[in-house]
Amino acid sequence: MHAAPVDPRDTCWEVDSPAFRVYFWQQPTVVSQASALELARWSSEEWRLTGPRDVNEVTAWAELHRGDRSYTLHVEVEGQEGLGLVKLAGTDPTSR
């Protein structure tokens, strides 16, 4: 990771109350030895969170509801091509 000073005037817009998404990941307890099959067997439960005070509240909610599952945390961003996601935390187990 690299950190550098930044000019805060270089941005054109910001969103004060973004929507977040939390994807909880789990895998069956019995898993095949084939890695491709393992990736295919992951499942996710997706949630959209609106109105949190900040990302810390979203993280606390995710930790409270995760159980024994891992999760990824995203913020929704509207772009020219439509709605997109920016990952803030976690690892998608199906991503290579």
N, C-alpha and C. Protein backbone atom coordinates (compact mmCIF):
# COMPACT_ATOMS: atom_id res chain seq x y z
N MET A 1 0.84 -1.17 0.00
CA MET A 1 0.00 0.00 0.00
C MET A 1 0.88 1.23 0.00
N HIS A 2 0.42 2.26 -0.68
CA HIS A 2 1.14 3.53 -0.75
C HIS A 2 0.20 4.65 -0.31
N ALA A 3 0.66 5.55 0.52
CA ALA A 3 -0.14 6.69 0.97
C ALA A 3 0.55 7.98 0.53
N ALA A 4 -0.23 8.93 0.02
CA ALA A 4 0.32 10.20 -0.43
C ALA A 4 -0.69 11.32 -0.14
N PRO A 5 -0.20 12.53 0.10
CA PRO A 5 -1.10 13.66 0.30
C PRO A 5 -1.96 13.87 -0.95
N VAL A 6 -3.15 14.45 -0.76
CA VAL A 6 -4.07 14.65 -1.88
C VAL A 6 -4.72 16.02 -1.74
N ASP A 7 -5.04 16.62 -2.87
CA ASP A 7 -5.77 17.89 -2.90
C ASP A 7 -7.26 17.58 -2.87
N PRO A 8 -8.00 17.96 -1.83
CA PRO A 8 -9.42 17.63 -1.74
C PRO A 8 -10.28 18.34 -2.78
N ARG A 9 -9.72 19.29 -3.49
CA ARG A 9 -10.48 20.02 -4.52
C ARG A 9 -10.51 19.30 -5.86
N ASP A 10 -9.88 18.14 -5.96
CA ASP A 10 -9.82 17.45 -7.26
C ASP A 10 -11.04 16.57 -7.54
N THR A 11 -12.01 16.52 -6.64
CA THR A 11 -13.23 15.74 -6.88
C THR A 11 -14.36 16.67 -7.30
N CYS A 12 -15.30 16.11 -8.06
CA CYS A 12 -16.43 16.89 -8.60
C CYS A 12 -17.72 16.66 -7.83
N TRP A 13 -17.84 15.55 -7.11
CA TRP A 13 -19.09 15.25 -6.40
C TRP A 13 -18.81 14.27 -5.27
N GLU A 14 -19.76 14.16 -4.35
CA GLU A 14 -19.72 13.14 -3.30
C GLU A 14 -21.14 12.82 -2.88
N VAL A 15 -21.30 11.67 -2.27
CA VAL A 15 -22.60 11.21 -1.80
C VAL A 15 -22.53 11.12 -0.28
N ASP A 16 -23.41 11.83 0.39
CA ASP A 16 -23.39 11.85 1.86
C ASP A 16 -24.00 10.60 2.49
N SER A 17 -24.98 10.01 1.84
CA SER A 17 -25.67 8.83 2.40
C SER A 17 -25.78 7.74 1.35
N PRO A 18 -24.67 7.07 1.04
CA PRO A 18 -24.73 6.03 0.01
C PRO A 18 -25.46 4.78 0.50
N ALA A 19 -25.86 3.97 -0.45
CA ALA A 19 -26.41 2.65 -0.15
C ALA A 19 -25.25 1.66 -0.15
N PHE A 20 -25.31 0.70 0.73
CA PHE A 20 -24.28 -0.31 0.85
C PHE A 20 -24.88 -1.68 0.55
N ARG A 21 -24.02 -2.60 0.19
CA ARG A 21 -24.43 -3.99 0.03
C ARG A 21 -23.48 -4.87 0.83
N VAL A 22 -24.07 -5.88 1.45
CA VAL A 22 -23.29 -6.88 2.17
C VAL A 22 -23.67 -8.23 1.58
N TYR A 23 -22.66 -8.97 1.13
CA TYR A 23 -22.86 -10.32 0.59
C TYR A 23 -22.23 -11.30 1.57
N PHE A 24 -23.06 -12.14 2.17
CA PHE A 24 -22.56 -13.18 3.08
C PHE A 24 -22.27 -14.43 2.26
N TRP A 25 -21.09 -14.99 2.44
CA TRP A 25 -20.65 -16.16 1.67
C TRP A 25 -20.60 -17.39 2.54
N GLN A 26 -21.08 -18.51 1.97
CA GLN A 26 -20.96 -19.79 2.68
C GLN A 26 -20.82 -20.91 1.67
N GLN A 27 -20.31 -22.00 2.17
CA GLN A 27 -20.06 -23.18 1.35
C GLN A 27 -20.61 -24.39 2.10
N PRO A 28 -21.15 -25.37 1.38
CA PRO A 28 -21.60 -26.59 2.07
C PRO A 28 -20.45 -27.20 2.86
N THR A 29 -20.77 -27.93 3.92
CA THR A 29 -19.72 -28.53 4.75
C THR A 29 -18.97 -29.63 4.02
N VAL A 30 -19.61 -30.33 3.09
CA VAL A 30 -18.94 -31.36 2.30
C VAL A 30 -18.57 -30.75 0.96
N VAL A 31 -17.28 -30.72 0.68
CA VAL A 31 -16.79 -30.06 -0.53
C VAL A 31 -15.94 -31.03 -1.32
N SER A 32 -16.08 -31.00 -2.62
CA SER A 32 -15.29 -31.85 -3.51
C SER A 32 -13.84 -31.38 -3.53
N GLN A 33 -12.96 -32.25 -3.97
CA GLN A 33 -11.55 -31.91 -4.09
C GLN A 33 -11.27 -31.03 -5.31
N ALA A 34 -12.15 -31.05 -6.29
CA ALA A 34 -11.93 -30.28 -7.52
C ALA A 34 -12.17 -28.80 -7.24
N SER A 35 -11.16 -27.96 -7.50
CA SER A 35 -11.28 -26.54 -7.16
C SER A 35 -12.38 -25.85 -7.95
N ALA A 36 -12.60 -26.22 -9.20
CA ALA A 36 -13.66 -25.59 -9.99
C ALA A 36 -15.02 -25.89 -9.37
N LEU A 37 -15.21 -27.11 -8.90
CA LEU A 37 -16.46 -27.48 -8.26
C LEU A 37 -16.62 -26.73 -6.94
N GLU A 38 -15.53 -26.57 -6.21
CA GLU A 38 -15.59 -25.83 -4.95
C GLU A 38 -16.06 -24.41 -5.18
N LEU A 39 -15.53 -23.75 -6.20
CA LEU A 39 -15.94 -22.38 -6.50
C LEU A 39 -17.42 -22.33 -6.87
N ALA A 40 -17.87 -23.32 -7.61
CA ALA A 40 -19.26 -23.34 -8.05
C ALA A 40 -20.21 -23.58 -6.88
N ARG A 41 -19.73 -24.17 -5.81
CA ARG A 41 -20.61 -24.52 -4.69
C ARG A 41 -20.76 -23.41 -3.67
N TRP A 42 -20.07 -22.31 -3.80
CA TRP A 42 -20.26 -21.19 -2.89
C TRP A 42 -21.63 -20.58 -3.14
N SER A 43 -22.27 -20.14 -2.10
CA SER A 43 -23.53 -19.41 -2.26
C SER A 43 -23.44 -18.12 -1.45
N SER A 44 -24.24 -17.14 -1.86
CA SER A 44 -24.23 -15.87 -1.14
C SER A 44 -25.65 -15.43 -0.82
N GLU A 45 -25.75 -14.69 0.25
CA GLU A 45 -27.00 -14.06 0.65
C GLU A 45 -26.73 -12.56 0.61
N GLU A 46 -27.49 -11.83 -0.21
CA GLU A 46 -27.19 -10.43 -0.47
C GLU A 46 -28.17 -9.51 0.25
N TRP A 47 -27.64 -8.44 0.82
CA TRP A 47 -28.45 -7.45 1.53
C TRP A 47 -28.07 -6.05 1.06
N ARG A 48 -29.08 -5.17 0.99
CA ARG A 48 -28.87 -3.75 0.67
C ARG A 48 -29.21 -2.95 1.92
N LEU A 49 -28.29 -2.09 2.34
CA LEU A 49 -28.48 -1.29 3.55
C LEU A 49 -28.53 0.19 3.17
N THR A 50 -29.56 0.88 3.59
CA THR A 50 -29.70 2.31 3.33
C THR A 50 -29.88 3.05 4.65
N GLY A 51 -29.42 4.28 4.67
CA GLY A 51 -29.60 5.13 5.84
C GLY A 51 -28.66 4.94 7.01
N PRO A 52 -27.52 4.25 6.86
CA PRO A 52 -26.62 4.13 8.01
C PRO A 52 -25.93 5.47 8.28
N ARG A 53 -25.47 5.66 9.51
CA ARG A 53 -24.71 6.87 9.85
C ARG A 53 -23.40 6.91 9.08
N ASP A 54 -22.75 5.75 8.97
CA ASP A 54 -21.47 5.67 8.27
C ASP A 54 -21.13 4.20 8.01
N VAL A 55 -19.98 3.97 7.41
CA VAL A 55 -19.58 2.60 7.07
C VAL A 55 -19.34 1.76 8.32
N ASN A 56 -18.99 2.38 9.42
CA ASN A 56 -18.79 1.63 10.67
C ASN A 56 -20.09 0.97 11.13
N GLU A 57 -21.21 1.65 10.94
CA GLU A 57 -22.50 1.06 11.30
C GLU A 57 -22.82 -0.14 10.41
N VAL A 58 -22.47 -0.04 9.13
CA VAL A 58 -22.69 -1.15 8.20
C VAL A 58 -21.81 -2.34 8.58
N THR A 59 -20.56 -2.07 8.90
CA THR A 59 -19.65 -3.14 9.31
C THR A 59 -20.15 -3.82 10.59
N ALA A 60 -20.62 -3.03 11.54
CA ALA A 60 -21.16 -3.61 12.78
C ALA A 60 -22.37 -4.49 12.49
N TRP A 61 -23.24 -4.04 11.58
CA TRP A 61 -24.41 -4.85 11.20
C TRP A 61 -23.96 -6.17 10.57
N ALA A 62 -22.98 -6.08 9.66
CA ALA A 62 -22.48 -7.29 8.99
C ALA A 62 -21.87 -8.26 10.00
N GLU A 63 -21.09 -7.76 10.92
CA GLU A 63 -20.47 -8.62 11.94
C GLU A 63 -21.54 -9.28 12.82
N LEU A 64 -22.60 -8.55 13.13
CA LEU A 64 -23.68 -9.08 13.96
C LEU A 64 -24.44 -10.20 13.26
N HIS A 65 -24.57 -10.11 11.93
CA HIS A 65 -25.38 -11.06 11.18
C HIS A 65 -24.58 -12.14 10.43
N ARG A 66 -23.28 -12.10 10.49
CA ARG A 66 -22.46 -13.02 9.68
C ARG A 66 -22.51 -14.47 10.16
N GLY A 67 -22.65 -14.70 11.44
CA GLY A 67 -22.57 -16.07 11.93
C GLY A 67 -21.20 -16.64 11.63
N ASP A 68 -21.18 -17.83 11.00
CA ASP A 68 -19.89 -18.44 10.64
C ASP A 68 -19.55 -18.18 9.17
N ARG A 69 -20.20 -17.21 8.56
CA ARG A 69 -19.97 -16.90 7.15
C ARG A 69 -18.96 -15.76 7.00
N SER A 70 -18.29 -15.73 5.86
CA SER A 70 -17.48 -14.56 5.51
C SER A 70 -18.39 -13.58 4.77
N TYR A 71 -17.90 -12.37 4.54
CA TYR A 71 -18.72 -11.42 3.80
C TYR A 71 -17.86 -10.43 3.02
N THR A 72 -18.47 -9.84 2.01
CA THR A 72 -17.89 -8.71 1.30
C THR A 72 -18.81 -7.52 1.50
N LEU A 73 -18.20 -6.35 1.60
CA LEU A 73 -18.93 -5.10 1.82
C LEU A 73 -18.66 -4.18 0.65
N HIS A 74 -19.73 -3.64 0.08
CA HIS A 74 -19.63 -2.77 -1.10
C HIS A 74 -20.43 -1.50 -0.88
N VAL A 75 -20.07 -0.45 -1.62
CA VAL A 75 -20.89 0.76 -1.69
C VAL A 75 -21.41 0.85 -3.13
N GLU A 76 -22.67 1.22 -3.27
CA GLU A 76 -23.26 1.36 -4.61
C GLU A 76 -22.82 2.69 -5.22
N VAL A 77 -22.51 2.66 -6.51
CA VAL A 77 -22.11 3.85 -7.25
C VAL A 77 -22.86 3.86 -8.57
N GLU A 78 -23.48 5.00 -8.87
CA GLU A 78 -24.18 5.15 -10.15
C GLU A 78 -23.19 5.71 -11.17
N GLY A 79 -23.03 4.99 -12.29
CA GLY A 79 -22.13 5.43 -13.34
C GLY A 79 -22.87 5.57 -14.66
N GLN A 80 -22.15 5.92 -15.70
CA GLN A 80 -22.75 6.08 -17.02
C GLN A 80 -23.40 4.80 -17.52
N GLU A 81 -22.84 3.67 -17.14
CA GLU A 81 -23.36 2.38 -17.61
C GLU A 81 -24.39 1.79 -16.66
N GLY A 82 -24.74 2.50 -15.60
CA GLY A 82 -25.72 1.99 -14.65
C GLY A 82 -25.13 1.83 -13.26
N LEU A 83 -25.81 1.06 -12.45
CA LEU A 83 -25.41 0.86 -11.07
C LEU A 83 -24.19 -0.06 -10.99
N GLY A 84 -23.24 0.29 -10.15
CA GLY A 84 -22.05 -0.53 -9.96
C GLY A 84 -21.72 -0.63 -8.48
N LEU A 85 -20.73 -1.43 -8.16
CA LEU A 85 -20.31 -1.64 -6.78
C LEU A 85 -18.82 -1.38 -6.64
N VAL A 86 -18.45 -0.75 -5.53
CA VAL A 86 -17.05 -0.59 -5.16
C VAL A 86 -16.85 -1.40 -3.88
N LYS A 87 -15.95 -2.37 -3.96
CA LYS A 87 -15.71 -3.23 -2.79
C LYS A 87 -14.92 -2.45 -1.74
N LEU A 88 -15.40 -2.48 -0.51
CA LEU A 88 -14.74 -1.81 0.60
C LEU A 88 -14.01 -2.78 1.52
N ALA A 89 -14.53 -4.00 1.64
CA ALA A 89 -13.93 -4.96 2.56
C ALA A 89 -14.31 -6.37 2.16
N GLY A 90 -13.47 -7.31 2.57
CA GLY A 90 -13.75 -8.73 2.34
C GLY A 90 -13.18 -9.25 1.04
N THR A 91 -13.31 -10.56 0.87
CA THR A 91 -12.81 -11.24 -0.33
C THR A 91 -13.91 -12.12 -0.89
N ASP A 92 -14.20 -11.95 -2.16
CA ASP A 92 -15.17 -12.79 -2.85
C ASP A 92 -14.52 -14.15 -3.09
N PRO A 93 -15.00 -15.22 -2.48
CA PRO A 93 -14.34 -16.52 -2.62
C PRO A 93 -14.47 -17.11 -4.03
N THR A 94 -15.35 -16.57 -4.85
CA THR A 94 -15.49 -17.09 -6.22
C THR A 94 -14.65 -16.29 -7.22
N SER A 95 -14.00 -15.24 -6.75
CA SER A 95 -13.18 -14.41 -7.63
C SER A 95 -11.79 -15.01 -7.76
N ARG A 96 -11.26 -14.95 -8.94
CA ARG A 96 -9.91 -15.48 -9.17
C ARG A 96 -8.94 -14.37 -9.39
